[in-house]
Amino acid sequence: MKKFFLSLMLSLFALSIYSCRETTQEKTEDALEAIGEDVEDGTRRAADKLEEGAENIEKEVHEEMHETDDHMEH
């Protein structure tokens, strides 16, 4: 009877460890996906800001060139 009880307890312990490992693995995968999505979103926002900045610089350079041309003609 002791051997049966001990075997049962050992089996339940092994099963609980295996179940915890799967849960931990799933949580780790979910966390990695979330991190990947955050990095992707951050990269997209940074690219948008860079593009916006480049457009502003291009616009200001264009304005400066036309202002300089206007002053030279007068």
C-alpha atoms as a PDB file:
ATOM      1  CA  MET A   1       0.000   0.000   0.000  1.00  0.00           C
ATOM      2  CA  LYS A   2       2.881   2.371   0.795  1.00  0.00           C
ATOM      3  CA  LYS A   3       4.426   1.682  -2.615  1.00  0.00           C
ATOM      4  CA  PHE A   4       1.132   2.418  -4.360  1.00  0.00           C
ATOM      5  CA  PHE A   5       0.620   5.651  -2.417  1.00  0.00           C
ATOM      6  CA  LEU A   6       4.247   6.694  -3.014  1.00  0.00           C
ATOM      7  CA  SER A   7       3.939   5.910  -6.741  1.00  0.00           C
ATOM      8  CA  LEU A   8       0.712   7.872  -6.956  1.00  0.00           C
ATOM      9  CA  MET A   9       2.242  10.869  -5.194  1.00  0.00           C
ATOM     10  CA  LEU A  10       5.322  10.716  -7.423  1.00  0.00           C
ATOM     11  CA  SER A  11       3.146  10.545 -10.544  1.00  0.00           C
ATOM     12  CA  LEU A  12       1.046  13.497  -9.426  1.00  0.00           C
ATOM     13  CA  PHE A  13       4.189  15.494  -8.620  1.00  0.00           C
ATOM     14  CA  ALA A  14       5.673  14.751 -12.063  1.00  0.00           C
ATOM     15  CA  LEU A  15       2.399  15.711 -13.716  1.00  0.00           C
ATOM     16  CA  SER A  16       2.192  18.998 -11.814  1.00  0.00           C
ATOM     17  CA  ILE A  17       5.767  19.913 -12.776  1.00  0.00           C
ATOM     18  CA  TYR A  18       5.042  19.133 -16.420  1.00  0.00           C
ATOM     19  CA  SER A  19       1.860  21.242 -16.335  1.00  0.00           C
ATOM     20  CA  CYS A  20       3.691  24.166 -14.768  1.00  0.00           C
ATOM     21  CA  ARG A  21       6.382  23.955 -17.412  1.00  0.00           C
ATOM     22  CA  GLU A  22       3.795  24.203 -20.200  1.00  0.00           C
ATOM     23  CA  THR A  23       2.121  27.176 -18.533  1.00  0.00           C
ATOM     24  CA  THR A  24       5.465  28.904 -18.074  1.00  0.00           C
ATOM     25  CA  GLN A  25       6.409  28.195 -21.679  1.00  0.00           C
ATOM     26  CA  GLU A  26       3.100  29.623 -22.916  1.00  0.00           C
ATOM     27  CA  LYS A  27       3.504  32.729 -20.779  1.00  0.00           C
ATOM     28  CA  THR A  28       7.055  33.168 -22.055  1.00  0.00           C
ATOM     29  CA  GLU A  29       5.871  32.871 -25.656  1.00  0.00           C
ATOM     30  CA  ASP A  30       3.093  35.398 -25.022  1.00  0.00           C
ATOM     31  CA  ALA A  31       5.567  37.802 -23.427  1.00  0.00           C
ATOM     32  CA  LEU A  32       7.960  37.444 -26.376  1.00  0.00           C
ATOM     33  CA  GLU A  33       5.133  38.153 -28.814  1.00  0.00           C
ATOM     34  CA  ALA A  34       4.147  41.250 -26.846  1.00  0.00           C
ATOM     35  CA  ILE A  35       7.757  42.453 -26.812  1.00  0.00           C
ATOM     36  CA  GLY A  36       7.996  41.892 -30.575  1.00  0.00           C
ATOM     37  CA  GLU A  37       4.820  43.875 -31.157  1.00  0.00           C
ATOM     38  CA  ASP A  38       6.072  46.703 -28.931  1.00  0.00           C
ATOM     39  CA  VAL A  39       9.375  46.830 -30.819  1.00  0.00           C
ATOM     40  CA  GLU A  40       7.532  46.822 -34.141  1.00  0.00           C
ATOM     41  CA  ASP A  41       5.232  49.640 -33.028  1.00  0.00           C
ATOM     42  CA  GLY A  42       8.144  51.663 -31.668  1.00  0.00           C
ATOM     43  CA  THR A  43      10.097  51.189 -34.888  1.00  0.00           C
ATOM     44  CA  ARG A  44       7.111  52.253 -36.967  1.00  0.00           C
ATOM     45  CA  ARG A  45       6.573  55.388 -34.835  1.00  0.00           C
ATOM     46  CA  ALA A  46      10.272  56.259 -35.011  1.00  0.00           C
ATOM     47  CA  ALA A  47      10.258  55.863 -38.795  1.00  0.00           C
ATOM     48  CA  ASP A  48       7.187  58.097 -39.030  1.00  0.00           C
ATOM     49  CA  LYS A  49       8.876  60.771 -36.889  1.00  0.00           C
ATOM     50  CA  LEU A  50      12.045  60.592 -38.990  1.00  0.00           C
ATOM     51  CA  GLU A  51      10.047  60.939 -42.184  1.00  0.00           C
ATOM     52  CA  GLU A  52       8.122  63.861 -40.714  1.00  0.00           C
ATOM     53  CA  GLY A  53      11.369  65.518 -39.654  1.00  0.00           C
ATOM     54  CA  ALA A  54      12.903  65.014 -43.087  1.00  0.00           C
ATOM     55  CA  GLU A  55       9.836  66.556 -44.723  1.00  0.00           C
ATOM     56  CA  ASN A  56      10.034  69.564 -42.386  1.00  0.00           C
ATOM     57  CA  ILE A  57      13.723  70.035 -43.174  1.00  0.00           C
ATOM     58  CA  GLU A  58      13.050  69.769 -46.890  1.00  0.00           C
ATOM     59  CA  LYS A  59      10.253  72.338 -46.580  1.00  0.00           C
ATOM     60  CA  GLU A  60      12.431  74.766 -44.595  1.00  0.00           C
ATOM     61  CA  VAL A  61      15.329  74.412 -47.022  1.00  0.00           C
ATOM     62  CA  HIS A  62      12.952  75.069 -49.901  1.00  0.00           C
ATOM     63  CA  GLU A  63      11.569  78.157 -48.129  1.00  0.00           C
ATOM     64  CA  GLU A  64      15.069  79.444 -47.367  1.00  0.00           C
ATOM     65  CA  MET A  65      16.152  78.965 -50.966  1.00  0.00           C
ATOM     66  CA  HIS A  66      13.153  80.928 -52.242  1.00  0.00           C
ATOM     67  CA  GLU A  67      13.608  83.673 -49.656  1.00  0.00           C
ATOM     68  CA  THR A  68      17.258  84.001 -50.666  1.00  0.00           C
ATOM     69  CA  ASP A  69      16.300  84.129 -54.357  1.00  0.00           C
ATOM     70  CA  ASP A  70      13.713  86.835 -53.616  1.00  0.00           C
ATOM     71  CA  HIS A  71      16.261  88.942 -51.762  1.00  0.00           C
ATOM     72  CA  MET A  72      18.840  88.618 -54.530  1.00  0.00           C
ATOM     73  CA  GLU A  73      16.376  89.665 -57.228  1.00  0.00           C
ATOM     74  CA  HIS A  74      15.297  92.825 -55.385  1.00  0.00           C
END
